[in-house]
């Protein structure tokens, strides 16, 4: 699994889908996001790996990509399917591909928060938090993936953030927090700029060794 396709799979599991178009039975790949830089990354991957030149569409406050390219659809269907199952063999992938897969998952279903001058045990500090939130059954697998990259991850809990009683429709929303220093020290990253900037800011604030764009060599 090359690192670009690993990222594509992660983003697909988060915000993508395989659906039918109109009355036709052929599957179509779609992904919708508020983050244009995420879709620009996917657009680049589709061009390089599937020779598919597509246009990013603007839909109200969202950006969208739609592709009927058969080899793309076959790739996603083989590795994950319409039900977006966890891919087999992730544990055997290279560290680079695991990091990209993790980034794709975090860019879609993850979040970062930066708070200045937060009172902690009688002193003021800047605080940064990273988390992952999903209704999917494979959240335990995401946790294990992060741990395999050397990151301490908290217990999984039911999230009430923006959801009624921890539910989204008839699905339970679960979440976990990621140790920020481990995330930085193991050079993991978001590719979505608004999320990644908070991590870079925290690293600079506390003089943690972290390249401004730790993923730059994989672009």
C-alpha atoms as a PDB file:
ATOM      1  CA  UNK A   1       0.000   0.000   0.000  1.00  0.00           C
ATOM      2  CA  UNK A   2       1.647   3.261  -1.046  1.00  0.00           C
ATOM      3  CA  UNK A   3       1.271   6.262   1.251  1.00  0.00           C
ATOM      4  CA  UNK A   4      -0.979   8.260  -1.078  1.00  0.00           C
ATOM      5  CA  UNK A   5      -3.508   5.446  -1.369  1.00  0.00           C
ATOM      6  CA  UNK A   6      -3.344   4.915   2.392  1.00  0.00           C
ATOM      7  CA  UNK A   7      -4.369   8.557   2.875  1.00  0.00           C
ATOM      8  CA  UNK A   8      -7.180   8.156   0.347  1.00  0.00           C
ATOM      9  CA  UNK A   9      -8.499   5.120   2.242  1.00  0.00           C
ATOM     10  CA  UNK A  10      -8.421   6.995   5.548  1.00  0.00           C
ATOM     11  CA  UNK A  11     -10.323   9.942   4.096  1.00  0.00           C
ATOM     12  CA  UNK A  12     -12.801   7.573   2.445  1.00  0.00           C
ATOM     13  CA  UNK A  13     -13.531   5.858   5.750  1.00  0.00           C
ATOM     14  CA  UNK A  14     -14.170   9.258   7.316  1.00  0.00           C
ATOM     15  CA  UNK A  15     -16.133  11.353   4.829  1.00  0.00           C
ATOM     16  CA  UNK A  16     -16.339   9.349   1.612  1.00  0.00           C
ATOM     17  CA  UNK A  17     -18.884   6.945   0.191  1.00  0.00           C
ATOM     18  CA  UNK A  18     -19.570   4.644  -2.730  1.00  0.00           C
ATOM     19  CA  UNK A  19     -23.057   5.209  -4.071  1.00  0.00           C
ATOM     20  CA  UNK A  20     -25.088   4.658  -7.220  1.00  0.00           C
ATOM     21  CA  UNK A  21     -25.829   7.432  -9.685  1.00  0.00           C
ATOM     22  CA  UNK A  22     -29.451   7.855 -10.707  1.00  0.00           C
ATOM     23  CA  UNK A  23     -31.033   4.648 -11.956  1.00  0.00           C
ATOM     24  CA  UNK A  24     -27.694   3.113 -12.915  1.00  0.00           C
ATOM     25  CA  UNK A  25     -26.160   0.305 -10.853  1.00  0.00           C
ATOM     26  CA  UNK A  26     -22.539   1.433 -11.326  1.00  0.00           C
ATOM     27  CA  UNK A  27     -20.877   2.723  -8.171  1.00  0.00           C
ATOM     28  CA  UNK A  28     -19.614   6.292  -7.882  1.00  0.00           C
ATOM     29  CA  UNK A  29     -17.053   7.675  -5.397  1.00  0.00           C
ATOM     30  CA  UNK A  30     -18.084  10.820  -3.521  1.00  0.00           C
ATOM     31  CA  UNK A  31     -16.486  12.813  -0.725  1.00  0.00           C
ATOM     32  CA  UNK A  32     -17.709  16.016   0.918  1.00  0.00           C
ATOM     33  CA  UNK A  33     -15.758  18.270   3.299  1.00  0.00           C
ATOM     34  CA  UNK A  34     -15.568  21.818   4.623  1.00  0.00           C
ATOM     35  CA  UNK A  35     -11.797  21.655   4.085  1.00  0.00           C
ATOM     36  CA  UNK A  36     -10.736  22.449   0.541  1.00  0.00           C
ATOM     37  CA  UNK A  37      -7.117  21.461   1.215  1.00  0.00           C
ATOM     38  CA  UNK A  38      -8.271  17.902   2.018  1.00  0.00           C
ATOM     39  CA  UNK A  39      -9.994  17.646  -1.353  1.00  0.00           C
ATOM     40  CA  UNK A  40      -7.004  19.180  -3.140  1.00  0.00           C
ATOM     41  CA  UNK A  41      -4.895  16.373  -1.671  1.00  0.00           C
ATOM     42  CA  UNK A  42      -7.392  13.764  -2.875  1.00  0.00           C
ATOM     43  CA  UNK A  43      -7.581  15.403  -6.297  1.00  0.00           C
ATOM     44  CA  UNK A  44      -3.788  15.098  -6.577  1.00  0.00           C
ATOM     45  CA  UNK A  45      -3.906  11.418  -5.559  1.00  0.00           C
ATOM     46  CA  UNK A  46      -6.604  10.634  -8.132  1.00  0.00           C
ATOM     47  CA  UNK A  47      -4.532  12.272 -10.850  1.00  0.00           C
ATOM     48  CA  UNK A  48      -1.298  10.468  -9.915  1.00  0.00           C
ATOM     49  CA  UNK A  49      -2.624   7.011  -9.069  1.00  0.00           C
ATOM     50  CA  UNK A  50      -5.748   6.747 -11.218  1.00  0.00           C
ATOM     51  CA  UNK A  51      -5.034   9.168 -14.070  1.00  0.00           C
ATOM     52  CA  UNK A  52      -8.314  10.848 -13.171  1.00  0.00           C
ATOM     53  CA  UNK A  53      -8.596  14.606 -13.674  1.00  0.00           C
ATOM     54  CA  UNK A  54     -11.572  15.843 -11.675  1.00  0.00           C
ATOM     55  CA  UNK A  55     -12.953  19.197 -10.554  1.00  0.00           C
ATOM     56  CA  UNK A  56     -13.592  20.206  -6.958  1.00  0.00           C
ATOM     57  CA  UNK A  57     -17.156  21.445  -6.702  1.00  0.00           C
ATOM     58  CA  UNK A  58     -18.450  24.006  -4.216  1.00  0.00           C
ATOM     59  CA  UNK A  59     -21.729  23.000  -2.525  1.00  0.00           C
ATOM     60  CA  UNK A  60     -22.895  25.747  -0.145  1.00  0.00           C
ATOM     61  CA  UNK A  61     -20.200  25.798   2.564  1.00  0.00           C
ATOM     62  CA  UNK A  62     -18.810  22.423   1.523  1.00  0.00           C
ATOM     63  CA  UNK A  63     -16.438  21.192  -1.162  1.00  0.00           C
ATOM     64  CA  UNK A  64     -17.103  17.967  -3.034  1.00  0.00           C
ATOM     65  CA  UNK A  65     -15.441  15.473  -5.357  1.00  0.00           C
ATOM     66  CA  UNK A  66     -17.301  12.924  -7.465  1.00  0.00           C
ATOM     67  CA  UNK A  67     -15.624  10.302  -9.641  1.00  0.00           C
ATOM     68  CA  UNK A  68     -16.956   7.408 -11.713  1.00  0.00           C
ATOM     69  CA  UNK A  69     -13.451   6.134 -12.557  1.00  0.00           C
ATOM     70  CA  UNK A  70     -13.807   2.370 -12.457  1.00  0.00           C
ATOM     71  CA  UNK A  71     -10.351   1.475 -11.136  1.00  0.00           C
ATOM     72  CA  UNK A  72     -10.797   3.986  -8.275  1.00  0.00           C
ATOM     73  CA  UNK A  73     -14.180   2.520  -7.387  1.00  0.00           C
ATOM     74  CA  UNK A  74     -12.747  -1.024  -7.619  1.00  0.00           C
ATOM     75  CA  UNK A  75      -9.851  -0.059  -5.321  1.00  0.00           C
ATOM     76  CA  UNK A  76     -12.142   1.356  -2.610  1.00  0.00           C
ATOM     77  CA  UNK A  77     -14.637  -1.479  -2.977  1.00  0.00           C
ATOM     78  CA  UNK A  78     -11.879  -4.091  -2.647  1.00  0.00           C
ATOM     79  CA  UNK A  79     -10.192  -2.551   0.398  1.00  0.00           C
ATOM     80  CA  UNK A  80     -13.232  -1.312   2.297  1.00  0.00           C
ATOM     81  CA  UNK A  81     -16.511  -1.790   0.402  1.00  0.00           C
ATOM     82  CA  UNK A  82     -19.696   0.249   0.422  1.00  0.00           C
ATOM     83  CA  UNK A  83     -20.084  -0.375   4.160  1.00  0.00           C
ATOM     84  CA  UNK A  84     -16.665   1.196   4.793  1.00  0.00           C
ATOM     85  CA  UNK A  85     -15.127  -1.766   6.607  1.00  0.00           C
ATOM     86  CA  UNK A  86     -11.682  -1.584   8.178  1.00  0.00           C
ATOM     87  CA  UNK A  87      -9.061  -2.659   5.587  1.00  0.00           C
ATOM     88  CA  UNK A  88      -7.220  -5.941   6.114  1.00  0.00           C
ATOM     89  CA  UNK A  89      -3.476  -5.947   6.674  1.00  0.00           C
ATOM     90  CA  UNK A  90      -3.003  -2.385   7.991  1.00  0.00           C
ATOM     91  CA  UNK A  91      -0.562  -3.688  10.616  1.00  0.00           C
ATOM     92  CA  UNK A  92       1.784  -4.860   7.831  1.00  0.00           C
ATOM     93  CA  UNK A  93       2.008  -1.472   6.098  1.00  0.00           C
ATOM     94  CA  UNK A  94       5.094   0.734   6.275  1.00  0.00           C
ATOM     95  CA  UNK A  95       5.290   3.445   8.964  1.00  0.00           C
ATOM     96  CA  UNK A  96       4.927   6.086   6.246  1.00  0.00           C
ATOM     97  CA  UNK A  97       1.705   4.501   4.949  1.00  0.00           C
ATOM     98  CA  UNK A  98       0.336   4.067   8.481  1.00  0.00           C
ATOM     99  CA  UNK A  99       0.968   7.755   9.203  1.00  0.00           C
ATOM    100  CA  UNK A 100      -0.791   8.781   6.011  1.00  0.00           C
ATOM    101  CA  UNK A 101      -3.731   6.481   6.784  1.00  0.00           C
ATOM    102  CA  UNK A 102      -3.917   7.972  10.290  1.00  0.00           C
ATOM    103  CA  UNK A 103      -3.766  11.481   8.798  1.00  0.00           C
ATOM    104  CA  UNK A 104      -6.642  10.702   6.425  1.00  0.00           C
ATOM    105  CA  UNK A 105      -8.746   9.480   9.337  1.00  0.00           C
ATOM    106  CA  UNK A 106      -7.882  12.496  11.497  1.00  0.00           C
ATOM    107  CA  UNK A 107      -8.430  15.005   8.688  1.00  0.00           C
ATOM    108  CA  UNK A 108     -12.010  13.772   8.357  1.00  0.00           C
ATOM    109  CA  UNK A 109     -13.109  12.540  11.807  1.00  0.00           C
ATOM    110  CA  UNK A 110     -10.410  14.039  14.006  1.00  0.00           C
ATOM    111  CA  UNK A 111     -10.049  17.449  15.636  1.00  0.00           C
ATOM    112  CA  UNK A 112      -7.491  19.706  17.283  1.00  0.00           C
ATOM    113  CA  UNK A 113      -8.135  22.432  19.864  1.00  0.00           C
ATOM    114  CA  UNK A 114      -5.759  25.139  21.096  1.00  0.00           C
ATOM    115  CA  UNK A 115      -6.499  27.147  24.246  1.00  0.00           C
ATOM    116  CA  UNK A 116      -4.357  30.012  25.525  1.00  0.00           C
ATOM    117  CA  UNK A 117      -3.718  30.782  29.198  1.00  0.00           C
ATOM    118  CA  UNK A 118      -5.731  27.912  30.612  1.00  0.00           C
ATOM    119  CA  UNK A 119      -5.603  27.640  34.407  1.00  0.00           C
ATOM    120  CA  UNK A 120      -4.174  24.241  35.330  1.00  0.00           C
ATOM    121  CA  UNK A 121      -3.303  23.442  38.960  1.00  0.00           C
ATOM    122  CA  UNK A 122      -2.822  27.092  39.912  1.00  0.00           C
ATOM    123  CA  UNK A 123      -0.757  28.119  36.882  1.00  0.00           C
ATOM    124  CA  UNK A 124      -1.578  29.306  33.380  1.00  0.00           C
ATOM    125  CA  UNK A 125      -0.552  27.265  30.366  1.00  0.00           C
ATOM    126  CA  UNK A 126      -1.434  26.997  26.715  1.00  0.00           C
ATOM    127  CA  UNK A 127      -3.224  23.710  26.136  1.00  0.00           C
ATOM    128  CA  UNK A 128      -3.603  21.668  22.965  1.00  0.00           C
ATOM    129  CA  UNK A 129      -5.914  18.681  22.480  1.00  0.00           C
ATOM    130  CA  UNK A 130      -6.224  16.143  19.679  1.00  0.00           C
ATOM    131  CA  UNK A 131      -9.114  13.743  19.418  1.00  0.00           C
ATOM    132  CA  UNK A 132     -10.977  11.353  17.171  1.00  0.00           C
ATOM    133  CA  UNK A 133     -14.765  10.956  17.065  1.00  0.00           C
ATOM    134  CA  UNK A 134     -16.779   8.407  15.070  1.00  0.00           C
ATOM    135  CA  UNK A 135     -19.912   6.255  14.944  1.00  0.00           C
ATOM    136  CA  UNK A 136     -17.987   3.445  13.234  1.00  0.00           C
ATOM    137  CA  UNK A 137     -17.428   0.042  14.789  1.00  0.00           C
ATOM    138  CA  UNK A 138     -13.733   0.183  13.941  1.00  0.00           C
ATOM    139  CA  UNK A 139     -12.808   3.008  16.325  1.00  0.00           C
ATOM    140  CA  UNK A 140     -10.859   0.418  18.356  1.00  0.00           C
ATOM    141  CA  UNK A 141      -8.774  -0.230  15.230  1.00  0.00           C
ATOM    142  CA  UNK A 142      -8.016   3.488  14.877  1.00  0.00           C
ATOM    143  CA  UNK A 143      -6.854   3.513  18.484  1.00  0.00           C
ATOM    144  CA  UNK A 144      -4.566   0.527  17.861  1.00  0.00           C
ATOM    145  CA  UNK A 145      -3.211   2.211  14.744  1.00  0.00           C
ATOM    146  CA  UNK A 146      -2.245   5.298  16.743  1.00  0.00           C
ATOM    147  CA  UNK A 147      -0.633   3.146  19.416  1.00  0.00           C
ATOM    148  CA  UNK A 148       1.393   1.296  16.768  1.00  0.00           C
ATOM    149  CA  UNK A 149       2.853   4.704  15.814  1.00  0.00           C
ATOM    150  CA  UNK A 150       4.096   5.215  19.380  1.00  0.00           C
ATOM    151  CA  UNK A 151       1.234   7.424  20.573  1.00  0.00           C
ATOM    152  CA  UNK A 152      -0.472   7.042  23.939  1.00  0.00           C
ATOM    153  CA  UNK A 153      -4.231   7.184  23.473  1.00  0.00           C
ATOM    154  CA  UNK A 154      -6.905   7.527  26.133  1.00  0.00           C
ATOM    155  CA  UNK A 155      -9.847   5.256  26.711  1.00  0.00           C
ATOM    156  CA  UNK A 156     -12.767   5.345  24.292  1.00  0.00           C
ATOM    157  CA  UNK A 157     -15.779   7.190  25.647  1.00  0.00           C
ATOM    158  CA  UNK A 158     -19.263   8.158  24.470  1.00  0.00           C
ATOM    159  CA  UNK A 159     -19.196  11.714  23.131  1.00  0.00           C
ATOM    160  CA  UNK A 160     -21.987  14.230  23.706  1.00  0.00           C
ATOM    161  CA  UNK A 161     -20.234  16.960  21.722  1.00  0.00           C
ATOM    162  CA  UNK A 162     -22.882  18.370  19.410  1.00  0.00           C
ATOM    163  CA  UNK A 163     -24.910  15.153  19.534  1.00  0.00           C
ATOM    164  CA  UNK A 164     -28.027  14.362  21.566  1.00  0.00           C
ATOM    165  CA  UNK A 165     -27.144  11.993  24.432  1.00  0.00           C
ATOM    166  CA  UNK A 166     -24.086  10.700  22.582  1.00  0.00           C
ATOM    167  CA  UNK A 167     -26.128   9.533  19.586  1.00  0.00           C
ATOM    168  CA  UNK A 168     -26.146  10.530  15.936  1.00  0.00           C
ATOM    169  CA  UNK A 169     -29.414   9.227  14.587  1.00  0.00           C
ATOM    170  CA  UNK A 170     -29.519   5.634  15.785  1.00  0.00           C
ATOM    171  CA  UNK A 171     -25.729   5.332  16.096  1.00  0.00           C
ATOM    172  CA  UNK A 172     -23.593   5.859  19.191  1.00  0.00           C
ATOM    173  CA  UNK A 173     -20.859   8.493  18.843  1.00  0.00           C
ATOM    174  CA  UNK A 174     -17.590   7.401  20.475  1.00  0.00           C
ATOM    175  CA  UNK A 175     -14.332   9.288  20.860  1.00  0.00           C
ATOM    176  CA  UNK A 176     -10.817   9.169  22.266  1.00  0.00           C
ATOM    177  CA  UNK A 177      -8.079  11.686  22.998  1.00  0.00           C
ATOM    178  CA  UNK A 178      -4.542  11.528  21.599  1.00  0.00           C
ATOM    179  CA  UNK A 179      -1.415  12.409  23.588  1.00  0.00           C
ATOM    180  CA  UNK A 180      -0.220  15.598  21.883  1.00  0.00           C
ATOM    181  CA  UNK A 181       3.469  15.294  22.797  1.00  0.00           C
ATOM    182  CA  UNK A 182       3.592  11.702  21.521  1.00  0.00           C
ATOM    183  CA  UNK A 183       1.857  12.849  18.332  1.00  0.00           C
ATOM    184  CA  UNK A 184       4.513  15.533  17.837  1.00  0.00           C
ATOM    185  CA  UNK A 185       7.536  13.458  18.853  1.00  0.00           C
ATOM    186  CA  UNK A 186       6.552  10.637  16.488  1.00  0.00           C
ATOM    187  CA  UNK A 187       6.055  13.184  13.675  1.00  0.00           C
ATOM    188  CA  UNK A 188       2.407  12.437  13.044  1.00  0.00           C
ATOM    189  CA  UNK A 189       0.292  15.147  11.474  1.00  0.00           C
ATOM    190  CA  UNK A 190      -2.914  16.483  10.005  1.00  0.00           C
ATOM    191  CA  UNK A 191      -2.860  17.532   6.366  1.00  0.00           C
ATOM    192  CA  UNK A 192      -5.782  19.896   6.900  1.00  0.00           C
ATOM    193  CA  UNK A 193      -4.132  23.236   7.564  1.00  0.00           C
ATOM    194  CA  UNK A 194      -6.548  24.638  10.158  1.00  0.00           C
ATOM    195  CA  UNK A 195      -6.013  21.534  12.329  1.00  0.00           C
ATOM    196  CA  UNK A 196      -2.271  21.194  11.787  1.00  0.00           C
ATOM    197  CA  UNK A 197      -1.513  24.865  12.569  1.00  0.00           C
ATOM    198  CA  UNK A 198      -2.634  24.342  16.170  1.00  0.00           C
ATOM    199  CA  UNK A 199      -0.193  21.460  16.599  1.00  0.00           C
ATOM    200  CA  UNK A 200       2.671  23.472  15.111  1.00  0.00           C
ATOM    201  CA  UNK A 201       1.814  26.421  17.354  1.00  0.00           C
ATOM    202  CA  UNK A 202       1.879  24.246  20.466  1.00  0.00           C
ATOM    203  CA  UNK A 203       5.183  22.648  19.458  1.00  0.00           C
ATOM    204  CA  UNK A 204       6.760  26.069  18.901  1.00  0.00           C
ATOM    205  CA  UNK A 205       5.377  27.418  22.184  1.00  0.00           C
ATOM    206  CA  UNK A 206       7.050  24.657  24.202  1.00  0.00           C
ATOM    207  CA  UNK A 207      10.146  24.242  21.996  1.00  0.00           C
ATOM    208  CA  UNK A 208       9.265  20.722  20.901  1.00  0.00           C
ATOM    209  CA  UNK A 209      11.254  19.430  17.947  1.00  0.00           C
ATOM    210  CA  UNK A 210       8.719  19.315  15.120  1.00  0.00           C
ATOM    211  CA  UNK A 211       9.156  20.352  11.490  1.00  0.00           C
ATOM    212  CA  UNK A 212       6.676  22.970  10.311  1.00  0.00           C
ATOM    213  CA  UNK A 213       5.343  20.483   7.758  1.00  0.00           C
ATOM    214  CA  UNK A 214       6.425  17.008   8.902  1.00  0.00           C
ATOM    215  CA  UNK A 215       4.703  15.445   5.901  1.00  0.00           C
ATOM    216  CA  UNK A 216       6.364  17.684   3.288  1.00  0.00           C
ATOM    217  CA  UNK A 217       8.615  14.935   1.949  1.00  0.00           C
ATOM    218  CA  UNK A 218       5.550  12.850   1.049  1.00  0.00           C
ATOM    219  CA  UNK A 219       3.770  15.476  -1.099  1.00  0.00           C
END
